[in-house]
Amino acid sequence: MTDTTLPTIQHWINGASTTAAPARTSPVFNPALGTATSNVALADDAEINAAVAAAKAAFPAWSNTSIAKRQNIIFKFRELLNERKLELAQIITSEHGKVVSDAAGEIQRGLEVVELATGFPHIMKGDFTENASTGVDVFSIKQALGVVGIISPFNFPAMVPMWFFPIAIAVGNTVVLKPSEKDPSAAIWLAELWKEAGLPDGVFNVLHGDKQAVDGLLTHDDVSAISFVGSTPIAQYIYETASKHGKRVQALGGAKNHMLVLPDADLDLVADQAINAGFGSAGERCMAISVVLAIEPVADQLIEKVKERIATLRIGDGTPTDTHKEPDMGPIVSEVHRDKIASYIQIAADDGADVLVDGRTIQAEGAEGGFWLGPTLIDNLPTS
């Protein structure tokens, strides 16, 4: 049930937060506390159309703005973001749960793309070839497409959008960003920062929502392209639906990785890397290491080293900014996700695997109501 006393995170359309009471909302949680801290508006058709219309209306002027003026705004955005990235990191931690240092790391990765976008005046240059064939000259030009939709996941609420929108804006497109409804505040913070940097209204819009908002962008006649990061089944759906509606699409699916350990490996280094890759950001990374394949005879020795390191990890609320007090791992983003992961551990145990370290029993350094699940190590999984 929605708590109507909580503040509502509204859409950002045409340079301002919307004010109308939304017909539908979804709770946004602080996963370390396990309590809802706000509600996020879920877009209906009118709001979807309004966001796209604002982007469409802003496109002619923005695409005709000189490259130098666009570059100046992107430089300003970059400076503001760099100055205030800790503020954004704390917002991410409060809604996603990853510790502040993890959140700051994802922002830095996003900043790298913003910095790339500042150099786009050179990258946008076309080509001209004289006499490619007898009496035939060949030239190419690079032009903005129009309105582009960005659909981003919960696990990197700042980095993944910044993979896309700095480039889209630099080349003259306008943007409608649909962030995850689980941690939507980072997108609004970025929208406000763009306005402070001098970006014209309507060039960057934030549309909150669920499947209705996604489908609205995928099928809208005025959206020219879609960029997506998320699970593989949804990536397939995004690609099929948007391409059927004549849009350019890039749809990136999930990719859990395997680590192959050869007998001559430095096992201390391997154990350190397995811990970082497996449990950093609570394992909620697209390319987290979920499986370690050790070639005998080193498996048992590696298991002991991994167990030793797991025992030193501190699990708790990632909010403290003092790095000496910051835990190594925060909570899972939602109760549903936590319970789903726990169910997989139970499946492994039921199938006869050895649960050497069971994260379901973790006593976190934080509120008991949080969505806690500690590092887990499973061995001897059956192959049939």
Protein backbone atom coordinates (compact mmCIF):
# COMPACT_ATOMS: atom_id res chain seq x y z
CA MET A 1 0.00 0.00 0.00
CA THR A 2 1.29 3.45 -0.93
CA ASP A 3 2.03 5.82 1.94
CA THR A 4 0.47 9.08 0.76
CA THR A 5 2.30 11.07 3.45
CA LEU A 6 5.64 10.51 1.72
CA PRO A 7 7.02 13.00 -0.83
CA THR A 8 6.49 12.26 -4.51
CA ILE A 9 9.34 12.19 -7.05
CA GLN A 10 7.83 13.81 -10.13
CA HIS A 11 8.75 13.72 -13.80
CA TRP A 12 11.09 16.35 -15.26
CA ILE A 13 9.55 17.71 -18.44
CA ASN A 14 10.54 20.82 -20.39
CA GLY A 15 12.99 22.05 -17.77
CA ALA A 16 10.83 21.68 -14.67
CA SER A 17 9.36 19.16 -12.29
CA THR A 18 5.74 18.32 -13.01
CA THR A 19 3.20 19.38 -10.42
CA ALA A 20 0.03 17.41 -11.16
CA ALA A 21 -0.81 14.61 -8.75
CA PRO A 22 0.08 11.33 -10.50
CA ALA A 23 -2.62 8.74 -11.04
CA ARG A 24 -0.18 5.96 -10.14
CA THR A 25 2.89 5.82 -7.93
CA SER A 26 5.39 3.24 -6.69
CA PRO A 27 7.26 3.32 -3.37
CA VAL A 28 10.99 4.04 -3.33
CA PHE A 29 12.87 2.34 -0.50
CA ASN A 30 16.01 2.91 1.48
CA PRO A 31 17.16 -0.72 1.26
CA ALA A 32 19.41 -0.45 4.31
CA LEU A 33 16.40 0.44 6.45
CA GLY A 34 13.79 -1.54 4.56
CA THR A 35 11.42 1.41 4.67
CA ALA A 36 9.84 3.54 1.95
CA THR A 37 11.21 7.07 1.84
CA SER A 38 9.23 8.48 -1.10
CA ASN A 39 6.88 7.61 -3.92
CA VAL A 40 7.76 7.94 -7.58
CA ALA A 41 5.22 8.96 -10.20
CA LEU A 42 4.44 6.36 -12.86
CA ALA A 43 3.73 7.92 -16.24
CA ASP A 44 0.44 7.59 -18.05
CA ASP A 45 -0.06 8.20 -21.77
CA ALA A 46 -0.55 11.95 -21.33
CA GLU A 47 2.75 12.31 -19.47
CA ILE A 48 4.59 10.12 -21.98
CA ASN A 49 3.29 12.29 -24.81
CA ALA A 50 4.18 15.47 -22.90
CA ALA A 51 7.78 14.37 -22.36
CA VAL A 52 8.26 13.39 -25.99
CA ALA A 53 6.54 16.57 -27.19
CA ALA A 54 8.87 18.71 -25.07
CA ALA A 55 11.90 16.94 -26.52
CA LYS A 56 10.53 17.24 -30.05
CA ALA A 57 9.84 20.95 -29.64
CA ALA A 58 13.37 21.56 -28.33
CA PHE A 59 15.09 19.61 -31.10
CA PRO A 60 15.14 22.17 -33.95
CA ALA A 61 16.78 24.91 -31.91
CA TRP A 62 19.18 22.57 -30.11
CA SER A 63 20.32 20.74 -33.23
CA ASN A 64 20.91 24.12 -34.90
CA THR A 65 22.86 25.47 -31.94
CA SER A 66 26.51 25.83 -32.83
CA ILE A 67 28.82 23.01 -31.84
CA ALA A 68 30.87 25.48 -29.79
CA LYS A 69 27.86 26.57 -27.72
CA ARG A 70 26.78 23.00 -27.12
CA GLN A 71 30.32 22.13 -26.09
CA ASN A 72 30.40 25.00 -23.56
CA ILE A 73 27.27 23.66 -21.85
CA ILE A 74 28.69 20.15 -21.69
CA PHE A 75 31.92 21.50 -20.20
CA LYS A 76 29.88 23.34 -17.56
CA PHE A 77 27.89 20.19 -16.78
CA ARG A 78 31.12 18.26 -16.43
CA GLU A 79 32.55 20.78 -13.97
CA LEU A 80 29.39 20.88 -11.86
CA LEU A 81 29.18 17.10 -11.75
CA ASN A 82 32.81 16.75 -10.78
CA GLU A 83 32.41 19.30 -7.98
CA ARG A 84 29.27 17.71 -6.53
CA LYS A 85 29.65 14.02 -7.28
CA LEU A 86 29.68 13.09 -3.58
CA GLU A 87 26.19 14.54 -3.28
CA LEU A 88 25.01 12.33 -6.12
CA ALA A 89 26.81 9.30 -4.65
CA GLN A 90 24.92 9.72 -1.40
CA ILE A 91 21.61 9.86 -3.29
CA ILE A 92 22.48 6.62 -5.10
CA THR A 93 23.41 4.91 -1.84
CA SER A 94 20.16 5.97 -0.17
CA GLU A 95 18.05 4.31 -2.89
CA HIS A 96 20.20 1.54 -4.34
CA GLY A 97 22.13 0.50 -1.24
CA LYS A 98 25.65 0.29 -2.69
CA VAL A 99 28.25 1.88 -0.44
CA VAL A 100 29.21 5.49 -1.16
CA SER A 101 32.65 4.59 -2.54
CA ASP A 102 30.98 2.20 -5.02
CA ALA A 103 28.50 4.91 -5.99
CA ALA A 104 31.31 7.43 -6.44
CA GLY A 105 33.08 4.92 -8.67
CA GLU A 106 30.10 4.60 -11.01
CA ILE A 107 29.81 8.38 -11.23
CA GLN A 108 33.48 8.61 -12.19
CA ARG A 109 32.87 6.09 -14.99
CA GLY A 110 29.99 8.22 -16.20
CA LEU A 111 32.17 11.32 -16.05
CA GLU A 112 34.55 9.67 -18.49
CA VAL A 113 31.78 9.67 -21.10
CA VAL A 114 30.87 13.28 -20.31
CA GLU A 115 34.51 14.16 -20.90
CA LEU A 116 34.42 12.24 -24.18
CA ALA A 117 31.38 14.28 -25.21
CA THR A 118 33.32 17.52 -24.72
CA GLY A 119 35.56 16.41 -27.59
CA PHE A 120 32.75 15.70 -30.03
CA PRO A 121 33.31 18.78 -32.21
CA HIS A 122 36.17 16.79 -33.73
CA ILE A 123 34.38 13.42 -33.80
CA MET A 124 31.37 14.95 -35.57
CA LYS A 125 33.41 16.00 -38.59
CA GLY A 126 32.31 14.50 -41.89
CA ASP A 127 34.44 13.27 -44.78
CA PHE A 128 34.97 14.36 -48.37
CA THR A 129 36.70 12.37 -51.10
CA GLU A 130 37.33 14.04 -54.45
CA ASN A 131 37.22 11.84 -57.56
CA ALA A 132 36.36 8.63 -55.73
CA SER A 133 35.41 7.55 -59.23
CA THR A 134 35.85 9.49 -62.44
CA GLY A 135 34.03 12.76 -61.97
CA VAL A 136 32.41 11.49 -58.77
CA ASP A 137 33.03 13.08 -55.39
CA VAL A 138 31.89 11.35 -52.20
CA PHE A 139 31.05 13.07 -48.95
CA SER A 140 29.47 12.14 -45.63
CA ILE A 141 27.89 14.26 -42.93
CA LYS A 142 26.82 13.45 -39.38
CA GLN A 143 23.46 14.77 -38.23
CA ALA A 144 21.32 14.45 -35.14
CA LEU A 145 18.38 12.04 -35.30
CA GLY A 146 15.83 13.85 -33.14
CA VAL A 147 14.28 12.58 -29.91
CA VAL A 148 16.11 9.64 -28.35
CA GLY A 149 14.81 7.48 -25.52
CA ILE A 150 17.05 6.03 -22.82
CA ILE A 151 15.83 3.17 -20.63
CA SER A 152 18.26 2.48 -17.81
CA PRO A 153 18.49 -0.16 -15.03
CA PHE A 154 18.50 0.03 -11.25
CA ASN A 155 22.06 -1.16 -10.70
CA PHE A 156 23.83 1.93 -12.10
CA PRO A 157 21.38 4.84 -11.90
CA ALA A 158 24.05 7.40 -12.85
CA MET A 159 26.66 5.59 -14.92
CA VAL A 160 24.41 3.85 -17.42
CA PRO A 161 22.39 6.96 -18.34
CA MET A 162 25.71 8.79 -18.71
CA TRP A 163 26.85 6.18 -21.19
CA PHE A 164 24.20 7.57 -23.49
CA PHE A 165 22.88 11.07 -22.87
CA PRO A 166 26.16 13.07 -22.99
CA ILE A 167 26.79 11.75 -26.52
CA ALA A 168 23.18 12.20 -27.62
CA ILE A 169 23.11 15.78 -26.38
CA ALA A 170 26.57 16.63 -27.75
CA VAL A 171 25.57 15.76 -31.31
CA GLY A 172 22.30 17.72 -31.15
CA ASN A 173 19.67 15.19 -30.13
CA THR A 174 17.12 15.70 -27.37
CA VAL A 175 16.56 13.08 -24.68
CA VAL A 176 13.81 11.37 -22.72
CA LEU A 177 15.37 9.29 -19.94
CA LYS A 178 13.29 6.55 -18.28
CA PRO A 179 15.24 5.52 -15.16
CA SER A 180 14.45 2.56 -12.96
CA GLU A 181 11.56 3.22 -10.63
CA LYS A 182 13.61 1.57 -7.84
CA ASP A 183 16.15 4.43 -7.64
CA PRO A 184 14.84 7.40 -9.65
CA SER A 185 16.26 10.37 -7.73
CA ALA A 186 19.68 10.32 -9.42
CA ALA A 187 18.04 11.08 -12.78
CA ILE A 188 16.20 14.09 -11.37
CA TRP A 189 19.41 15.36 -9.76
CA LEU A 190 21.16 15.10 -13.14
CA ALA A 191 18.30 16.93 -14.86
CA GLU A 192 18.57 19.79 -12.38
CA LEU A 193 22.33 19.89 -12.95
CA TRP A 194 21.82 20.17 -16.72
CA LYS A 195 19.53 23.14 -16.18
CA GLU A 196 22.12 24.77 -13.93
CA ALA A 197 24.72 24.19 -16.66
CA GLY A 198 22.57 26.14 -19.12
CA LEU A 199 20.96 23.36 -21.14
CA PRO A 200 17.79 24.68 -22.83
CA ASP A 201 14.48 23.40 -21.51
CA GLY A 202 13.20 20.29 -23.22
CA VAL A 203 16.59 18.96 -24.32
CA PHE A 204 16.80 16.59 -21.32
CA ASN A 205 13.63 15.12 -19.84
CA VAL A 206 13.05 12.44 -17.21
CA LEU A 207 10.01 10.20 -17.46
CA HIS A 208 9.42 7.86 -14.52
CA GLY A 209 7.40 4.73 -14.93
CA ASP A 210 7.02 1.04 -15.50
CA LYS A 211 6.20 -1.02 -18.59
CA GLN A 212 3.65 1.56 -19.76
CA ALA A 213 6.34 4.23 -19.96
CA VAL A 214 8.76 1.86 -21.68
CA ASP A 215 6.22 0.80 -24.29
CA GLY A 216 5.25 4.42 -24.81
CA LEU A 217 8.80 5.29 -25.81
CA LEU A 218 9.27 2.14 -27.91
CA THR A 219 6.20 2.80 -30.02
CA HIS A 220 6.01 6.60 -30.13
CA ASP A 221 6.17 8.00 -33.65
CA ASP A 222 8.29 10.96 -32.54
CA VAL A 223 11.05 8.91 -30.87
CA SER A 224 13.84 8.19 -33.35
CA ALA A 225 16.14 5.93 -31.33
CA ILE A 226 16.26 3.84 -28.16
CA SER A 227 19.19 2.91 -25.92
CA PHE A 228 18.69 0.28 -23.23
CA VAL A 229 20.63 -1.63 -20.59
CA GLY A 230 18.98 -4.38 -18.56
CA SER A 231 18.23 -8.07 -18.47
CA THR A 232 18.66 -10.15 -21.61
CA PRO A 233 14.96 -11.07 -22.05
CA ILE A 234 13.94 -7.42 -21.77
CA ALA A 235 16.75 -6.38 -24.12
CA GLN A 236 15.33 -8.75 -26.70
CA TYR A 237 11.85 -7.30 -26.17
CA ILE A 238 13.18 -3.75 -26.44
CA TYR A 239 15.05 -4.50 -29.66
CA GLU A 240 12.17 -6.30 -31.34
CA THR A 241 9.50 -3.78 -30.36
CA ALA A 242 11.45 -0.61 -31.10
CA SER A 243 12.89 -1.87 -34.39
CA LYS A 244 9.43 -2.89 -35.56
CA HIS A 245 8.46 0.74 -35.06
CA GLY A 246 11.31 1.98 -37.24
CA LYS A 247 13.73 3.10 -34.55
CA ARG A 248 17.46 2.71 -34.26
CA VAL A 249 18.10 0.53 -31.24
CA GLN A 250 20.96 -0.49 -29.02
CA ALA A 251 19.85 -3.01 -26.41
CA LEU A 252 22.44 -4.36 -24.00
CA GLY A 253 21.51 -7.46 -21.98
CA GLY A 254 22.90 -8.82 -18.74
CA ALA A 255 26.19 -10.73 -18.69
CA LYS A 256 27.23 -12.57 -15.55
CA ASN A 257 30.85 -13.66 -15.90
CA HIS A 258 32.87 -16.78 -15.09
CA MET A 259 36.41 -16.67 -13.68
CA LEU A 260 38.73 -19.44 -14.89
CA VAL A 261 41.59 -20.18 -12.48
CA LEU A 262 44.54 -22.18 -13.79
CA PRO A 263 46.78 -24.23 -11.46
CA ASP A 264 49.71 -21.81 -11.71
CA ALA A 265 47.65 -18.74 -10.76
CA ASP A 266 48.55 -16.44 -7.85
CA LEU A 267 45.75 -17.61 -5.55
CA ASP A 268 45.98 -14.63 -3.20
CA LEU A 269 45.46 -12.31 -6.15
CA VAL A 270 42.67 -14.53 -7.49
CA ALA A 271 40.89 -14.58 -4.14
CA ASP A 272 41.07 -10.79 -3.83
CA GLN A 273 39.71 -10.32 -7.32
CA ALA A 274 36.95 -12.89 -6.82
CA ILE A 275 35.78 -11.08 -3.68
CA ASN A 276 35.81 -7.68 -5.36
CA ALA A 277 34.13 -8.89 -8.54
CA GLY A 278 31.61 -11.13 -6.83
CA PHE A 279 30.46 -9.01 -3.92
CA GLY A 280 31.20 -5.41 -4.91
CA SER A 281 27.98 -3.42 -5.27
CA ALA A 282 26.30 -6.41 -3.56
CA GLY A 283 26.90 -8.41 -6.73
CA GLU A 284 24.43 -6.23 -8.61
CA ARG A 285 26.71 -5.53 -11.54
CA CYS A 286 26.04 -6.55 -15.12
CA MET A 287 29.41 -8.30 -15.26
CA ALA A 288 29.75 -9.56 -11.69
CA ILE A 289 31.70 -12.78 -11.20
CA SER A 290 29.11 -15.35 -10.16
CA VAL A 291 31.04 -18.54 -10.92
CA VAL A 292 34.69 -19.44 -10.29
CA LEU A 293 36.00 -22.44 -12.25
CA ALA A 294 39.17 -23.69 -10.62
CA ILE A 295 41.33 -26.26 -12.42
CA GLU A 296 42.57 -28.86 -9.95
CA PRO A 297 44.53 -29.23 -7.78
CA VAL A 298 44.03 -25.66 -6.50
CA ALA A 299 40.28 -25.55 -5.79
CA ASP A 300 40.35 -26.41 -2.07
CA GLN A 301 43.21 -24.02 -1.41
CA LEU A 302 41.39 -21.23 -3.25
CA ILE A 303 38.18 -21.93 -1.34
CA GLU A 304 39.97 -21.44 1.96
CA LYS A 305 41.44 -18.14 0.82
CA VAL A 306 38.05 -16.90 -0.36
CA LYS A 307 36.43 -17.95 2.93
CA GLU A 308 39.11 -16.10 4.89
CA ARG A 309 38.39 -12.91 2.97
CA ILE A 310 34.61 -13.26 3.24
CA ALA A 311 35.01 -13.45 7.02
CA THR A 312 36.61 -9.99 7.03
CA LEU A 313 33.88 -8.26 5.01
CA ARG A 314 31.66 -5.81 6.88
CA ILE A 315 28.02 -5.71 5.78
CA GLY A 316 25.94 -2.67 6.59
CA ASP A 317 24.41 0.66 5.68
CA GLY A 318 26.65 2.27 3.05
CA THR A 319 25.59 5.81 3.92
CA PRO A 320 28.56 6.89 6.13
CA THR A 321 31.01 8.95 4.10
CA ASP A 322 33.92 8.25 6.47
CA THR A 323 35.83 5.58 4.56
CA HIS A 324 37.10 4.13 7.84
CA LYS A 325 33.51 3.41 8.90
CA GLU A 326 32.11 2.48 5.49
CA PRO A 327 31.12 -1.18 5.17
CA ASP A 328 32.39 -3.33 2.34
CA MET A 329 28.96 -4.34 1.11
CA GLY A 330 25.52 -2.82 1.39
CA PRO A 331 22.03 -4.32 1.12
CA ILE A 332 20.21 -5.72 -1.89
CA VAL A 333 18.15 -3.10 -3.72
CA SER A 334 14.73 -4.54 -2.82
CA GLU A 335 13.07 -7.19 -0.71
CA VAL A 336 11.94 -8.99 -3.87
CA HIS A 337 15.49 -9.17 -5.22
CA ARG A 338 16.86 -10.29 -1.85
CA ASP A 339 14.32 -13.09 -1.59
CA LYS A 340 14.95 -14.18 -5.18
CA ILE A 341 18.69 -14.54 -4.55
CA ALA A 342 18.01 -16.39 -1.31
CA SER A 343 15.76 -18.79 -3.22
CA TYR A 344 18.64 -19.62 -5.58
CA ILE A 345 20.83 -20.48 -2.60
CA GLN A 346 18.10 -22.79 -1.35
CA ILE A 347 17.81 -24.46 -4.76
CA ALA A 348 21.55 -25.17 -4.69
CA ALA A 349 21.28 -26.65 -1.20
CA ASP A 350 18.27 -28.75 -2.16
CA ASP A 351 20.17 -30.07 -5.17
CA GLY A 352 22.95 -31.32 -2.90
CA ALA A 353 25.52 -28.52 -3.19
CA ASP A 354 27.64 -27.49 -0.19
CA VAL A 355 26.78 -24.00 1.07
CA LEU A 356 30.13 -23.17 2.64
CA VAL A 357 29.23 -19.60 3.55
CA ASP A 358 25.53 -18.79 3.83
CA GLY A 359 24.71 -15.10 3.41
CA ARG A 360 21.12 -15.63 4.45
CA THR A 361 22.20 -15.67 8.09
CA ILE A 362 24.05 -12.37 7.97
CA GLN A 363 23.82 -9.98 10.90
CA ALA A 364 24.29 -6.64 9.21
CA GLU A 365 25.77 -3.49 10.66
CA GLY A 366 22.51 -1.64 10.14
CA ALA A 367 18.80 -1.73 10.71
CA GLU A 368 17.33 -5.20 11.12
CA GLY A 369 14.59 -4.40 8.63
CA GLY A 370 17.01 -3.83 5.75
CA PHE A 371 17.20 -6.05 2.68
CA TRP A 372 20.30 -7.87 3.82
CA LEU A 373 22.01 -10.82 2.17
CA GLY A 374 25.65 -11.47 2.85
CA PRO A 375 28.39 -13.00 0.69
CA THR A 376 27.68 -16.63 -0.12
CA LEU A 377 30.05 -19.36 -1.26
CA ILE A 378 28.74 -22.61 -2.74
CA ASP A 379 30.82 -25.64 -3.77
CA ASN A 380 30.24 -29.05 -5.31
CA LEU A 381 27.26 -28.04 -7.40
CA PRO A 382 25.80 -31.06 -9.18
CA THR A 383 26.03 -30.99 -12.94
CA SER A 384 22.93 -33.02 -13.63
